[in-house]
Amino acid sequence: MNKWISVKDRLPDIYHEVMFIFEIYRMNGQVIKKDIVCGHRDEKGWNVCYHYVSVPLTNDEKKLKITHWMELPELPNE
């Protein structure tokens, strides 16, 4: 079962921690990188979280696109 949700269908709540897929493009449309990260979105956009520090995803000379997101998985029981 695919738990990924397209950002075209629905967005996560503001400040709700999720995993999301982002793609970085060159201006000619060629994909440079595609990755999965944890973070949240706020009123200004998406943020990647590293050890409880938010880092905004910027769009300098490249084009950034968030495509899908999903809830964080349950922690293992140990």
N, C-alpha and C. Protein backbone atom coordinates (compact mmCIF):
# COMPACT_ATOMS: atom_id res chain seq x y z
N MET A 1 0.84 -1.18 0.00
CA MET A 1 0.00 0.00 0.00
C MET A 1 0.89 1.25 0.00
N ASN A 2 0.64 2.15 -0.91
CA ASN A 2 1.41 3.37 -1.04
C ASN A 2 0.83 4.44 -0.12
N LYS A 3 1.63 4.94 0.82
CA LYS A 3 1.16 5.94 1.77
C LYS A 3 1.55 7.35 1.36
N TRP A 4 2.25 7.49 0.23
CA TRP A 4 2.65 8.81 -0.22
C TRP A 4 1.43 9.59 -0.70
N ILE A 5 1.35 10.86 -0.34
CA ILE A 5 0.23 11.72 -0.70
C ILE A 5 0.76 12.82 -1.61
N SER A 6 0.16 12.99 -2.74
CA SER A 6 0.58 14.04 -3.66
C SER A 6 0.23 15.41 -3.07
N VAL A 7 1.14 16.38 -3.24
CA VAL A 7 0.85 17.74 -2.77
C VAL A 7 -0.27 18.37 -3.60
N LYS A 8 -0.57 17.77 -4.74
CA LYS A 8 -1.70 18.24 -5.55
C LYS A 8 -3.03 17.85 -4.91
N ASP A 9 -3.02 16.74 -4.14
CA ASP A 9 -4.25 16.26 -3.50
C ASP A 9 -4.49 16.89 -2.14
N ARG A 10 -3.41 17.02 -1.35
CA ARG A 10 -3.57 17.51 0.02
C ARG A 10 -2.22 17.87 0.59
N LEU A 11 -2.19 18.88 1.47
CA LEU A 11 -0.96 19.28 2.16
C LEU A 11 -1.06 18.91 3.63
N PRO A 12 0.08 18.64 4.28
CA PRO A 12 0.03 18.39 5.72
C PRO A 12 -0.29 19.68 6.48
N ASP A 13 -0.77 19.55 7.69
CA ASP A 13 -1.03 20.71 8.53
C ASP A 13 0.26 21.49 8.75
N ILE A 14 0.13 22.79 8.98
CA ILE A 14 1.27 23.64 9.28
C ILE A 14 1.99 23.11 10.53
N TYR A 15 3.30 23.06 10.50
CA TYR A 15 4.19 22.62 11.58
C TYR A 15 4.03 21.14 11.96
N HIS A 16 3.32 20.37 11.16
CA HIS A 16 3.18 18.93 11.42
C HIS A 16 4.36 18.21 10.76
N GLU A 17 5.16 17.50 11.55
CA GLU A 17 6.38 16.84 11.07
C GLU A 17 6.01 15.66 10.16
N VAL A 18 6.56 15.64 8.94
CA VAL A 18 6.29 14.58 7.96
C VAL A 18 7.57 14.27 7.19
N MET A 19 7.52 13.24 6.37
CA MET A 19 8.58 12.98 5.38
C MET A 19 8.07 13.54 4.06
N PHE A 20 8.98 14.13 3.26
CA PHE A 20 8.54 14.59 1.95
C PHE A 20 9.62 14.40 0.91
N ILE A 21 9.18 14.30 -0.33
CA ILE A 21 10.07 14.11 -1.48
C ILE A 21 10.27 15.47 -2.14
N PHE A 22 11.52 15.82 -2.40
CA PHE A 22 11.76 17.04 -3.18
C PHE A 22 12.65 16.73 -4.36
N GLU A 23 12.44 17.50 -5.41
CA GLU A 23 13.25 17.41 -6.62
C GLU A 23 13.86 18.78 -6.86
N ILE A 24 15.12 18.79 -7.27
CA ILE A 24 15.78 20.04 -7.64
C ILE A 24 16.06 19.95 -9.14
N TYR A 25 15.65 21.00 -9.85
CA TYR A 25 15.80 21.05 -11.30
C TYR A 25 16.77 22.15 -11.69
N ARG A 26 17.43 21.94 -12.82
CA ARG A 26 18.13 23.03 -13.48
C ARG A 26 17.06 23.89 -14.16
N MET A 27 17.43 25.09 -14.55
CA MET A 27 16.46 25.96 -15.21
C MET A 27 15.93 25.35 -16.52
N ASN A 28 16.71 24.44 -17.15
CA ASN A 28 16.25 23.80 -18.39
C ASN A 28 15.29 22.64 -18.12
N GLY A 29 14.97 22.36 -16.85
CA GLY A 29 14.02 21.32 -16.52
C GLY A 29 14.64 19.97 -16.19
N GLN A 30 15.95 19.83 -16.32
CA GLN A 30 16.62 18.57 -16.01
C GLN A 30 16.70 18.38 -14.49
N VAL A 31 16.32 17.19 -14.01
CA VAL A 31 16.37 16.90 -12.57
C VAL A 31 17.83 16.72 -12.15
N ILE A 32 18.24 17.47 -11.13
CA ILE A 32 19.59 17.35 -10.59
C ILE A 32 19.61 16.34 -9.45
N LYS A 33 18.61 16.41 -8.58
CA LYS A 33 18.58 15.57 -7.39
C LYS A 33 17.14 15.32 -6.97
N LYS A 34 16.90 14.14 -6.44
CA LYS A 34 15.60 13.78 -5.88
C LYS A 34 15.89 13.11 -4.56
N ASP A 35 15.22 13.53 -3.48
CA ASP A 35 15.56 13.00 -2.17
C ASP A 35 14.33 12.98 -1.27
N ILE A 36 14.43 12.23 -0.18
CA ILE A 36 13.39 12.17 0.85
C ILE A 36 13.99 12.74 2.12
N VAL A 37 13.28 13.67 2.75
CA VAL A 37 13.74 14.31 3.98
C VAL A 37 12.58 14.41 4.96
N CYS A 38 12.89 14.69 6.21
CA CYS A 38 11.87 14.96 7.23
C CYS A 38 11.81 16.45 7.46
N GLY A 39 10.63 16.93 7.76
CA GLY A 39 10.47 18.35 8.02
C GLY A 39 9.02 18.71 8.16
N HIS A 40 8.73 19.98 7.96
CA HIS A 40 7.37 20.48 8.06
C HIS A 40 7.22 21.68 7.14
N ARG A 41 6.01 22.16 7.01
CA ARG A 41 5.81 23.39 6.27
C ARG A 41 5.27 24.44 7.22
N ASP A 42 5.55 25.69 6.90
CA ASP A 42 5.01 26.79 7.69
C ASP A 42 4.32 27.76 6.73
N GLU A 43 4.07 28.97 7.17
CA GLU A 43 3.36 29.93 6.33
C GLU A 43 4.16 30.34 5.10
N LYS A 44 5.50 30.17 5.15
CA LYS A 44 6.36 30.60 4.05
C LYS A 44 6.75 29.48 3.10
N GLY A 45 6.65 28.22 3.53
CA GLY A 45 7.06 27.12 2.67
C GLY A 45 7.50 25.91 3.48
N TRP A 46 8.29 25.06 2.84
CA TRP A 46 8.74 23.82 3.45
C TRP A 46 10.06 24.03 4.18
N ASN A 47 10.28 23.29 5.27
CA ASN A 47 11.50 23.36 6.07
C ASN A 47 11.99 21.95 6.36
N VAL A 48 13.29 21.75 6.20
CA VAL A 48 13.92 20.49 6.56
C VAL A 48 14.38 20.61 8.01
N CYS A 49 14.15 19.60 8.83
CA CYS A 49 14.53 19.66 10.24
C CYS A 49 15.71 18.74 10.52
N TYR A 50 16.76 19.31 11.07
CA TYR A 50 17.93 18.56 11.49
C TYR A 50 18.08 18.77 12.99
N HIS A 51 17.87 17.74 13.76
CA HIS A 51 18.05 17.82 15.21
C HIS A 51 17.30 19.01 15.81
N TYR A 52 16.06 19.15 15.43
CA TYR A 52 15.16 20.19 15.96
C TYR A 52 15.54 21.60 15.55
N VAL A 53 16.31 21.75 14.49
CA VAL A 53 16.62 23.08 13.95
C VAL A 53 16.03 23.14 12.54
N SER A 54 15.15 24.09 12.28
CA SER A 54 14.54 24.21 10.96
C SER A 54 15.48 24.92 10.00
N VAL A 55 15.56 24.39 8.79
CA VAL A 55 16.36 24.99 7.74
C VAL A 55 15.45 25.20 6.54
N PRO A 56 15.16 26.45 6.14
CA PRO A 56 14.27 26.67 4.99
C PRO A 56 14.90 26.12 3.71
N LEU A 57 14.06 25.55 2.85
CA LEU A 57 14.51 25.13 1.53
C LEU A 57 14.41 26.33 0.62
N THR A 58 15.55 26.76 0.06
CA THR A 58 15.56 27.95 -0.77
C THR A 58 15.58 27.59 -2.24
N ASN A 59 15.25 28.54 -3.05
CA ASN A 59 15.21 28.35 -4.50
C ASN A 59 16.13 29.40 -5.12
N ASP A 60 17.44 29.17 -5.06
CA ASP A 60 18.40 30.13 -5.58
C ASP A 60 18.39 30.13 -7.12
N GLU A 61 19.42 29.59 -7.72
CA GLU A 61 19.48 29.55 -9.17
C GLU A 61 18.82 28.30 -9.74
N LYS A 62 18.38 27.41 -8.86
CA LYS A 62 17.75 26.17 -9.29
C LYS A 62 16.28 26.19 -8.91
N LYS A 63 15.51 25.32 -9.54
CA LYS A 63 14.08 25.22 -9.28
C LYS A 63 13.84 24.05 -8.34
N LEU A 64 13.10 24.27 -7.25
CA LEU A 64 12.82 23.26 -6.25
C LEU A 64 11.34 22.91 -6.30
N LYS A 65 11.04 21.61 -6.25
CA LYS A 65 9.65 21.18 -6.32
C LYS A 65 9.41 20.09 -5.28
N ILE A 66 8.43 20.30 -4.39
CA ILE A 66 7.99 19.27 -3.45
C ILE A 66 6.87 18.51 -4.15
N THR A 67 6.98 17.17 -4.23
CA THR A 67 5.99 16.40 -4.99
C THR A 67 5.04 15.59 -4.13
N HIS A 68 5.54 14.95 -3.05
CA HIS A 68 4.73 14.05 -2.23
C HIS A 68 5.16 14.16 -0.77
N TRP A 69 4.28 13.71 0.13
CA TRP A 69 4.60 13.67 1.55
C TRP A 69 3.88 12.48 2.17
N MET A 70 4.34 12.09 3.37
CA MET A 70 3.67 11.02 4.11
C MET A 70 3.93 11.19 5.60
N GLU A 71 3.08 10.60 6.41
CA GLU A 71 3.26 10.63 7.86
C GLU A 71 4.55 9.90 8.23
N LEU A 72 5.17 10.30 9.31
CA LEU A 72 6.35 9.59 9.81
C LEU A 72 5.93 8.20 10.28
N PRO A 73 6.76 7.18 10.08
CA PRO A 73 6.40 5.84 10.54
C PRO A 73 6.47 5.74 12.07
N GLU A 74 5.81 4.74 12.59
CA GLU A 74 5.85 4.47 14.03
C GLU A 74 7.28 4.08 14.43
N LEU A 75 7.67 4.44 15.65
CA LEU A 75 8.97 4.02 16.17
C LEU A 75 8.93 2.53 16.47
N PRO A 76 10.06 1.84 16.34
CA PRO A 76 10.07 0.40 16.66
C PRO A 76 9.87 0.16 18.16
N ASN A 77 9.27 -0.96 18.50
CA ASN A 77 9.10 -1.35 19.90
C ASN A 77 10.29 -2.18 20.31
N GLU A 78 11.13 -1.65 21.19
CA GLU A 78 12.31 -2.40 21.66
C GLU A 78 12.43 -2.28 23.15
